[in-house]
């Protein structure tokens, strides 16, 4: 079966690509590939490793959180937290956790609808607010009482019991508590460029700067895809389509349109946007970590990463490059703000992180944006997502996958696994949409459970 890949950008990789900023090579925030101690993960690694180039790096997770002016290891090691905060706060954490545990024991939970309900029940009010509540509201742009408990997949199983077990060296769930990453020495783009080369080597086609604009269908399914390249529309006849487009965009491209109810549900699915602010410092290194999460309420930005700590081959030896992430909605003023204004917000937060950075150390900065960075799991989002997935997959030869195509906050290893699954599905069953949807709903349900 001949394959044509349409990529609207000038390079493959999407949100996972490497870009050049002056003498620096950086990702959209370092995109490392999780190595989990599970049979499924080992199979993915075995299949994908040849695409990482020669001598790929295998890194031990280096993640910290800033909380009340102090650094903590993440995933949390509770003894460090309890001994790091004030005795009064430590006592509140333990009291609230014990109260939540007793409440759960004597009053079995009804279905938890919100992220806040899940967090308070599993962690206690104080620890939840400190470590997840304030930060999550900033990241998602909503009070956590309006965010679905399905978003807890991102922090699933992080209850105090498991945290304490980890602290004492007792083995935790390997699917959740992975500690290793794999990474190409010259940037994550190598992974996707190697894939594209393999596609071309098999007499298939990868078209860059080629944005899909319309999917034309008949009763038997999609018959042709219209795309725009070099300012003009072109058409590809096809037997079927595998889409990683955001679901609302995909629905809007269908001709004839899907039922109006599908479009109405698709319009209710929202994506959180990101501003990425790169700051080059005139020093060899700022931290020893890959990521630092900023939990306290005085911060406007979410997270800082340091590319050099993932691969020193990408940054000059006497400089370092930070990537600072700022969440927003596309109708927020910050989305249209001048780059300098966005940079000033990031710089203000950087200066108060406690790393001793002075403004005159900044050599340069660069600002870019991702319009659809993360699916937002608002309360009862499934009431809209399921009809959209069902409507899209009612087209017999249209399959969706990935973060945007399934509205699923996947990691990179998840998405490669999905690519392998869709290839197996097509090889075994052909382009059968209904069977694929059934398989993906089961996969998504596991991820929503933190598995």
Protein backbone atom coordinates (compact mmCIF):
# COMPACT_ATOMS: atom_id res chain seq x y z
CA UNK A 1 0.00 0.00 0.00
CA UNK A 2 1.51 3.34 -1.08
CA UNK A 3 1.46 6.08 1.56
CA UNK A 4 1.55 9.87 1.33
CA UNK A 5 2.21 11.88 4.50
CA UNK A 6 1.00 15.49 4.55
CA UNK A 7 2.88 17.78 6.94
CA UNK A 8 1.80 21.41 7.07
CA UNK A 9 5.11 22.54 8.59
CA UNK A 10 8.48 22.88 6.88
CA UNK A 11 9.84 19.94 8.91
CA UNK A 12 8.42 16.76 10.39
CA UNK A 13 7.92 16.31 14.12
CA UNK A 14 5.09 18.69 14.96
CA UNK A 15 5.29 19.73 18.60
CA UNK A 16 8.18 17.30 19.05
CA UNK A 17 10.59 18.85 16.59
CA UNK A 18 13.93 20.55 17.15
CA UNK A 19 14.36 24.16 16.03
CA UNK A 20 17.41 26.37 15.56
CA UNK A 21 17.67 29.63 17.49
CA UNK A 22 20.93 31.34 16.56
CA UNK A 23 23.76 29.00 17.63
CA UNK A 24 21.37 26.89 19.73
CA UNK A 25 19.38 23.78 18.85
CA UNK A 26 16.31 23.39 21.07
CA UNK A 27 13.06 21.45 21.22
CA UNK A 28 9.65 22.81 22.06
CA UNK A 29 10.67 22.07 25.61
CA UNK A 30 12.91 18.96 25.79
CA UNK A 31 10.91 16.03 24.40
CA UNK A 32 12.41 12.94 25.97
CA UNK A 33 11.17 9.42 25.26
CA UNK A 34 10.00 7.61 28.41
CA UNK A 35 11.53 4.21 29.15
CA UNK A 36 9.15 2.27 31.38
CA UNK A 37 9.89 -1.11 32.96
CA UNK A 38 7.00 -2.85 31.27
CA UNK A 39 6.90 -5.44 28.48
CA UNK A 40 4.93 -3.05 26.27
CA UNK A 41 7.46 -0.25 26.74
CA UNK A 42 10.39 -2.58 26.05
CA UNK A 43 8.78 -3.63 22.76
CA UNK A 44 8.32 0.01 21.74
CA UNK A 45 11.93 0.86 22.63
CA UNK A 46 13.23 -2.10 20.67
CA UNK A 47 11.28 -1.02 17.60
CA UNK A 48 12.11 2.67 17.82
CA UNK A 49 15.75 2.66 18.91
CA UNK A 50 17.23 2.48 15.36
CA UNK A 51 15.59 5.84 14.58
CA UNK A 52 17.46 7.59 17.42
CA UNK A 53 20.77 7.63 15.55
CA UNK A 54 24.15 6.51 16.80
CA UNK A 55 24.78 6.27 20.54
CA UNK A 56 21.50 7.76 21.81
CA UNK A 57 21.49 9.12 25.33
CA UNK A 58 19.76 7.24 28.14
CA UNK A 59 19.07 9.72 30.93
CA UNK A 60 17.90 9.43 34.50
CA UNK A 61 14.91 11.64 35.18
CA UNK A 62 16.00 15.03 36.48
CA UNK A 63 12.85 16.83 37.56
CA UNK A 64 12.30 19.25 40.43
CA UNK A 65 9.46 21.33 41.76
CA UNK A 66 9.81 24.72 43.39
CA UNK A 67 7.54 24.93 46.41
CA UNK A 68 7.64 27.63 49.06
CA UNK A 69 11.06 28.71 47.79
CA UNK A 70 12.61 25.23 48.07
CA UNK A 71 13.37 22.48 45.57
CA UNK A 72 11.86 19.02 45.85
CA UNK A 73 12.44 15.87 43.84
CA UNK A 74 9.59 14.85 41.54
CA UNK A 75 7.88 12.39 41.73
CA UNK A 76 7.52 13.57 45.27
CA UNK A 77 9.54 11.95 48.03
CA UNK A 78 7.34 12.72 50.97
CA UNK A 79 9.90 12.68 53.75
CA UNK A 80 11.73 15.44 51.88
CA UNK A 81 8.52 17.46 51.67
CA UNK A 82 7.54 16.89 55.29
CA UNK A 83 11.01 17.85 56.55
CA UNK A 84 11.34 20.75 54.11
CA UNK A 85 8.20 22.66 54.98
CA UNK A 86 7.48 24.19 58.36
CA UNK A 87 6.45 21.83 61.18
CA UNK A 88 2.99 23.39 61.22
CA UNK A 89 2.50 22.82 57.48
CA UNK A 90 3.84 19.26 57.76
CA UNK A 91 1.34 18.57 60.53
CA UNK A 92 -1.49 19.97 58.38
CA UNK A 93 -0.44 17.73 55.47
CA UNK A 94 -0.50 14.62 57.64
CA UNK A 95 -3.72 15.57 59.42
CA UNK A 96 -5.56 16.28 56.17
CA UNK A 97 -4.30 13.06 54.61
CA UNK A 98 -5.37 10.96 57.59
CA UNK A 99 -8.77 12.64 57.62
CA UNK A 100 -9.20 11.97 53.89
CA UNK A 101 -8.13 8.34 54.38
CA UNK A 102 -10.62 7.80 57.19
CA UNK A 103 -13.37 9.47 55.20
CA UNK A 104 -12.68 7.16 52.26
CA UNK A 105 -12.63 4.11 54.54
CA UNK A 106 -15.95 4.84 56.23
CA UNK A 107 -17.69 6.62 53.36
CA UNK A 108 -16.79 4.89 50.08
CA UNK A 109 -16.50 7.49 47.33
CA UNK A 110 -19.21 8.18 44.87
CA UNK A 111 -17.92 8.84 41.39
CA UNK A 112 -15.55 11.79 41.55
CA UNK A 113 -16.42 14.30 38.87
CA UNK A 114 -13.74 16.95 39.31
CA UNK A 115 -9.98 17.02 39.54
CA UNK A 116 -10.35 18.82 42.86
CA UNK A 117 -12.55 16.09 44.32
CA UNK A 118 -10.09 13.41 43.20
CA UNK A 119 -7.11 15.29 44.58
CA UNK A 120 -8.58 16.07 47.98
CA UNK A 121 -9.82 12.51 48.43
CA UNK A 122 -6.45 10.97 47.51
CA UNK A 123 -4.02 13.51 48.95
CA UNK A 124 -5.85 15.59 51.52
CA UNK A 125 -6.68 19.25 51.01
CA UNK A 126 -3.33 20.76 52.06
CA UNK A 127 -1.05 18.58 49.95
CA UNK A 128 -3.40 18.76 46.99
CA UNK A 129 -3.53 22.56 47.04
CA UNK A 130 0.23 22.87 47.49
CA UNK A 131 1.34 20.40 44.86
CA UNK A 132 -1.46 20.22 42.31
CA UNK A 133 -4.37 22.62 42.85
CA UNK A 134 -2.72 26.00 42.32
CA UNK A 135 -0.46 24.75 39.53
CA UNK A 136 -3.22 22.90 37.67
CA UNK A 137 -5.56 25.89 37.70
CA UNK A 138 -2.78 27.98 36.13
CA UNK A 139 -1.89 25.38 33.50
CA UNK A 140 -5.46 24.67 32.41
CA UNK A 141 -6.92 28.14 32.88
CA UNK A 142 -9.85 26.84 34.95
CA UNK A 143 -10.63 26.28 38.62
CA UNK A 144 -9.88 22.63 39.34
CA UNK A 145 -13.52 22.19 40.37
CA UNK A 146 -14.27 22.65 36.65
CA UNK A 147 -11.63 20.17 35.44
CA UNK A 148 -12.58 16.52 35.04
CA UNK A 149 -11.08 13.92 37.35
CA UNK A 150 -9.88 12.25 34.13
CA UNK A 151 -7.12 14.84 34.14
CA UNK A 152 -5.84 13.02 37.22
CA UNK A 153 -4.32 10.50 34.77
CA UNK A 154 -1.40 12.94 34.67
CA UNK A 155 -0.78 12.42 38.39
CA UNK A 156 -2.55 9.09 38.89
CA UNK A 157 -1.48 6.92 41.82
CA UNK A 158 0.38 9.78 43.46
CA UNK A 159 -1.40 9.27 46.76
CA UNK A 160 0.52 9.63 49.98
CA UNK A 161 0.74 5.89 50.58
CA UNK A 162 2.57 5.23 47.31
CA UNK A 163 4.77 8.29 47.78
CA UNK A 164 5.87 7.06 51.22
CA UNK A 165 6.52 3.57 49.84
CA UNK A 166 8.80 5.09 47.21
CA UNK A 167 10.56 7.15 49.84
CA UNK A 168 11.53 3.95 51.67
CA UNK A 169 12.76 2.32 48.46
CA UNK A 170 9.79 -0.02 47.95
CA UNK A 171 9.23 -0.64 44.25
CA UNK A 172 6.32 1.31 42.80
CA UNK A 173 4.23 0.79 39.68
CA UNK A 174 6.72 0.82 36.76
CA UNK A 175 4.13 2.25 34.37
CA UNK A 176 3.80 5.34 36.56
CA UNK A 177 7.18 5.74 38.27
CA UNK A 178 9.55 5.50 35.32
CA UNK A 179 12.97 7.07 35.83
CA UNK A 180 14.72 6.73 32.46
CA UNK A 181 14.51 8.68 29.21
CA UNK A 182 16.01 8.09 25.78
CA UNK A 183 17.07 10.99 23.57
CA UNK A 184 19.00 11.58 20.29
CA UNK A 185 22.17 13.57 20.89
CA UNK A 186 21.30 16.24 18.31
CA UNK A 187 17.67 16.76 19.18
CA UNK A 188 14.37 14.94 19.06
CA UNK A 189 13.83 15.86 15.39
CA UNK A 190 16.25 13.10 14.45
CA UNK A 191 13.66 10.55 15.53
CA UNK A 192 11.06 11.90 13.12
CA UNK A 193 13.49 12.70 10.31
CA UNK A 194 14.70 9.10 10.48
CA UNK A 195 11.11 7.89 10.25
CA UNK A 196 10.49 10.15 7.25
CA UNK A 197 13.64 8.82 5.56
CA UNK A 198 12.41 5.24 6.11
CA UNK A 199 9.04 6.12 4.56
CA UNK A 200 10.71 7.64 1.49
CA UNK A 201 13.10 4.70 1.17
CA UNK A 202 10.06 2.45 0.61
CA UNK A 203 8.90 4.58 -2.36
CA UNK A 204 6.35 6.50 -0.32
CA UNK A 205 6.00 10.27 -0.12
CA UNK A 206 6.38 12.86 2.64
CA UNK A 207 5.16 16.31 1.57
CA UNK A 208 6.23 19.33 3.63
CA UNK A 209 4.47 22.71 3.75
CA UNK A 210 1.37 20.77 2.71
CA UNK A 211 -1.67 21.65 4.82
CA UNK A 212 -4.81 19.54 4.47
CA UNK A 213 -7.82 21.74 3.75
CA UNK A 214 -10.63 19.36 2.78
CA UNK A 215 -11.53 15.67 2.98
CA UNK A 216 -14.00 14.69 0.27
CA UNK A 217 -16.12 11.63 0.90
CA UNK A 218 -18.75 9.40 -0.59
CA UNK A 219 -20.76 6.54 0.89
CA UNK A 220 -17.70 4.29 0.83
CA UNK A 221 -15.63 6.80 2.81
CA UNK A 222 -12.93 9.36 2.06
CA UNK A 223 -12.12 9.33 -1.65
CA UNK A 224 -9.72 12.26 -1.94
CA UNK A 225 -7.79 14.72 0.21
CA UNK A 226 -7.32 18.32 -0.87
CA UNK A 227 -4.23 20.10 0.44
CA UNK A 228 -2.55 23.44 -0.12
CA UNK A 229 1.13 23.64 -1.06
CA UNK A 230 3.03 26.54 -2.63
CA UNK A 231 -0.12 28.66 -2.66
CA UNK A 232 -2.28 26.30 -4.69
CA UNK A 233 -4.67 23.46 -3.94
CA UNK A 234 -3.80 19.93 -4.99
CA UNK A 235 -5.70 16.65 -4.71
CA UNK A 236 -4.73 13.10 -3.73
CA UNK A 237 -7.03 10.18 -4.47
CA UNK A 238 -6.98 7.77 -1.54
CA UNK A 239 -8.21 4.47 -0.15
CA UNK A 240 -8.29 5.85 3.37
CA UNK A 241 -6.93 8.41 5.82
CA UNK A 242 -5.11 8.22 9.15
CA UNK A 243 -5.41 11.62 10.83
CA UNK A 244 -3.55 13.24 13.71
CA UNK A 245 -5.35 16.56 13.24
CA UNK A 246 -7.17 18.18 16.17
CA UNK A 247 -10.68 16.74 16.12
CA UNK A 248 -12.48 20.10 15.67
CA UNK A 249 -10.27 20.90 12.67
CA UNK A 250 -10.83 17.46 11.18
CA UNK A 251 -14.60 17.74 11.53
CA UNK A 252 -14.58 21.15 9.83
CA UNK A 253 -12.73 19.74 6.79
CA UNK A 254 -15.28 17.03 5.96
CA UNK A 255 -17.21 17.41 2.71
CA UNK A 256 -20.07 16.74 2.70
CA UNK A 257 -20.22 17.76 6.35
CA UNK A 258 -20.83 15.33 9.16
CA UNK A 259 -24.16 15.75 11.00
CA UNK A 260 -24.61 19.13 12.68
CA UNK A 261 -24.65 17.46 16.11
CA UNK A 262 -21.08 16.20 15.55
CA UNK A 263 -19.90 19.70 14.65
CA UNK A 264 -21.66 21.12 17.71
CA UNK A 265 -19.96 18.63 20.01
CA UNK A 266 -16.58 19.25 18.32
CA UNK A 267 -16.93 22.98 19.00
CA UNK A 268 -17.07 22.19 22.74
CA UNK A 269 -13.64 20.50 22.74
CA UNK A 270 -11.01 23.04 23.75
CA UNK A 271 -7.23 23.07 23.56
CA UNK A 272 -4.91 25.00 25.85
CA UNK A 273 -2.29 27.08 24.05
CA UNK A 274 1.34 27.66 24.99
CA UNK A 275 3.79 30.49 24.66
CA UNK A 276 7.37 29.23 24.72
CA UNK A 277 10.02 31.74 25.76
CA UNK A 278 13.64 30.77 25.12
CA UNK A 279 16.21 32.69 27.14
CA UNK A 280 19.93 32.33 26.36
CA UNK A 281 22.17 32.98 29.37
CA UNK A 282 25.84 33.90 29.39
CA UNK A 283 26.77 31.07 31.72
CA UNK A 284 27.58 27.40 31.09
CA UNK A 285 24.63 26.01 33.05
CA UNK A 286 21.86 27.16 35.38
CA UNK A 287 20.65 23.91 36.99
CA UNK A 288 21.34 20.19 36.87
CA UNK A 289 17.75 19.35 35.94
CA UNK A 290 15.73 18.73 32.82
CA UNK A 291 12.57 20.41 34.13
CA UNK A 292 11.57 22.59 37.06
CA UNK A 293 7.85 22.92 37.85
CA UNK A 294 6.75 26.16 39.52
CA UNK A 295 3.99 25.41 42.02
CA UNK A 296 3.65 28.63 44.01
CA UNK A 297 0.96 31.20 43.32
CA UNK A 298 3.36 34.09 42.64
CA UNK A 299 4.43 32.54 39.33
CA UNK A 300 2.69 33.25 36.03
CA UNK A 301 4.61 30.67 33.99
CA UNK A 302 4.33 26.91 34.48
CA UNK A 303 7.64 25.22 33.93
CA UNK A 304 11.27 25.85 33.04
CA UNK A 305 13.46 23.38 31.16
CA UNK A 306 17.16 23.48 30.30
CA UNK A 307 18.01 21.83 26.98
CA UNK A 308 21.70 21.45 27.80
CA UNK A 309 20.89 19.04 30.61
CA UNK A 310 19.22 16.71 28.13
CA UNK A 311 22.00 16.92 25.54
CA UNK A 312 25.08 19.10 25.91
CA UNK A 313 25.81 18.56 22.19
CA UNK A 314 23.08 21.06 21.26
CA UNK A 315 24.29 24.15 23.14
CA UNK A 316 27.67 25.99 23.10
CA UNK A 317 29.84 25.03 26.07
CA UNK A 318 29.91 28.55 27.56
CA UNK A 319 26.17 29.20 27.24
CA UNK A 320 22.89 27.68 28.30
CA UNK A 321 19.36 27.97 26.94
CA UNK A 322 16.18 27.89 29.00
CA UNK A 323 12.68 27.21 27.74
CA UNK A 324 9.93 28.76 29.87
CA UNK A 325 6.31 27.73 29.27
CA UNK A 326 3.31 30.02 29.69
CA UNK A 327 -0.22 28.66 29.25
CA UNK A 328 -3.01 30.77 27.80
CA UNK A 329 -6.20 30.75 25.76
CA UNK A 330 -6.10 32.08 22.23
CA UNK A 331 -8.58 34.81 23.15
CA UNK A 332 -6.35 36.01 26.03
CA UNK A 333 -4.48 39.29 25.43
CA UNK A 334 -1.17 37.51 26.02
CA UNK A 335 -1.70 35.38 22.91
CA UNK A 336 -1.45 38.46 20.70
CA UNK A 337 1.04 40.36 22.87
CA UNK A 338 4.38 41.53 21.53
CA UNK A 339 7.27 39.11 22.01
CA UNK A 340 9.04 41.53 24.32
CA UNK A 341 6.00 41.73 26.62
CA UNK A 342 5.83 37.94 26.81
CA UNK A 343 9.57 37.76 27.45
CA UNK A 344 9.27 40.27 30.30
CA UNK A 345 6.68 38.06 32.02
CA UNK A 346 8.98 35.06 31.76
CA UNK A 347 12.02 37.05 32.87
CA UNK A 348 10.21 38.38 35.94
CA UNK A 349 9.42 34.83 37.04
CA UNK A 350 12.94 33.63 36.24
CA UNK A 351 14.44 36.32 38.44
CA UNK A 352 12.34 35.21 41.42
CA UNK A 353 13.04 31.47 41.10
CA UNK A 354 16.05 31.78 43.39
CA UNK A 355 18.79 30.73 40.95
CA UNK A 356 20.61 34.05 41.11
CA UNK A 357 19.99 35.09 37.51
CA UNK A 358 20.63 38.75 36.69
CA UNK A 359 19.04 40.46 33.69
CA UNK A 360 22.43 41.42 32.24
CA UNK A 361 23.20 37.69 31.89
CA UNK A 362 20.57 37.39 29.16
CA UNK A 363 22.25 37.21 25.77
CA UNK A 364 19.13 36.82 23.66
CA UNK A 365 15.55 35.59 23.73
CA UNK A 366 13.11 34.05 21.29
CA UNK A 367 9.33 33.58 21.59
CA UNK A 368 7.18 31.07 19.73
CA UNK A 369 3.73 29.59 20.29
CA UNK A 370 1.74 26.35 20.03
CA UNK A 371 -1.97 27.00 19.36
CA UNK A 372 -3.23 23.52 20.31
CA UNK A 373 -0.80 22.25 22.93
CA UNK A 374 -3.01 20.26 25.32
CA UNK A 375 -6.57 18.92 25.21
CA UNK A 376 -8.52 20.40 28.11
CA UNK A 377 -10.60 17.96 30.13
CA UNK A 378 -13.46 20.09 31.33
CA UNK A 379 -16.22 18.54 33.42
CA UNK A 380 -18.19 16.00 31.38
CA UNK A 381 -15.94 16.46 28.34
CA UNK A 382 -16.68 12.82 27.42
CA UNK A 383 -20.27 13.87 26.62
CA UNK A 384 -18.79 15.78 23.68
CA UNK A 385 -15.72 13.69 22.88
CA UNK A 386 -17.47 10.34 22.44
CA UNK A 387 -20.04 11.66 19.91
CA UNK A 388 -17.24 13.34 17.95
CA UNK A 389 -15.11 10.18 17.86
CA UNK A 390 -18.17 8.15 16.89
CA UNK A 391 -19.13 10.65 14.19
CA UNK A 392 -15.64 10.78 12.70
CA UNK A 393 -15.24 7.01 12.74
CA UNK A 394 -18.64 6.53 11.13
CA UNK A 395 -16.70 7.36 7.98
CA UNK A 396 -15.63 3.80 7.05
CA UNK A 397 -11.99 4.47 6.12
CA UNK A 398 -11.03 7.32 8.47
CA UNK A 399 -8.91 6.51 11.53
CA UNK A 400 -7.62 9.03 14.09
CA UNK A 401 -4.80 8.75 16.60
CA UNK A 402 -2.35 10.75 18.68
CA UNK A 403 -2.82 13.54 21.19
CA UNK A 404 -5.01 15.60 18.89
CA UNK A 405 -6.71 12.82 16.95
CA UNK A 406 -7.95 11.14 20.14
CA UNK A 407 -8.09 14.21 22.40
CA UNK A 408 -5.77 12.32 24.72
CA UNK A 409 -2.92 13.87 26.71
CA UNK A 410 -0.37 11.32 25.58
CA UNK A 411 3.35 11.16 26.10
CA UNK A 412 5.65 10.61 23.12
CA UNK A 413 6.08 6.90 23.86
CA UNK A 414 2.27 6.52 23.93
CA UNK A 415 2.00 8.09 20.50
CA UNK A 416 4.67 5.83 19.00
CA UNK A 417 2.82 2.87 20.53
CA UNK A 418 -0.37 4.09 18.87
CA UNK A 419 1.45 4.34 15.54
CA UNK A 420 2.47 0.71 15.90
CA UNK A 421 -1.08 -0.26 16.87
CA UNK A 422 -2.64 1.46 13.86
CA UNK A 423 -0.11 -0.20 11.54
CA UNK A 424 -1.00 -3.61 12.98
CA UNK A 425 -4.69 -2.81 12.71
CA UNK A 426 -4.45 -1.87 9.04
CA UNK A 427 -2.30 -4.91 8.28
CA UNK A 428 -4.77 -7.25 9.98
CA UNK A 429 -8.12 -5.59 9.25
CA UNK A 430 -7.61 -2.93 6.61
CA UNK A 431 -8.88 0.62 7.06
CA UNK A 432 -11.84 -0.36 9.24
CA UNK A 433 -12.84 2.64 11.34
CA UNK A 434 -15.37 1.04 13.68
CA UNK A 435 -12.98 -1.66 14.91
CA UNK A 436 -10.23 0.91 15.38
CA UNK A 437 -12.49 3.15 17.46
CA UNK A 438 -13.40 0.24 19.72
CA UNK A 439 -9.70 -0.50 20.26
CA UNK A 440 -8.87 3.15 20.96
CA UNK A 441 -11.72 3.64 23.42
CA UNK A 442 -10.34 0.72 25.42
CA UNK A 443 -6.83 2.22 25.26
CA UNK A 444 -8.08 5.64 26.33
CA UNK A 445 -10.01 4.16 29.24
CA UNK A 446 -6.79 2.57 30.56
CA UNK A 447 -4.93 5.87 30.28
CA UNK A 448 -7.74 7.68 32.08
CA UNK A 449 -7.22 5.20 34.90
CA UNK A 450 -3.51 6.03 35.00
CA UNK A 451 -2.48 2.64 33.56
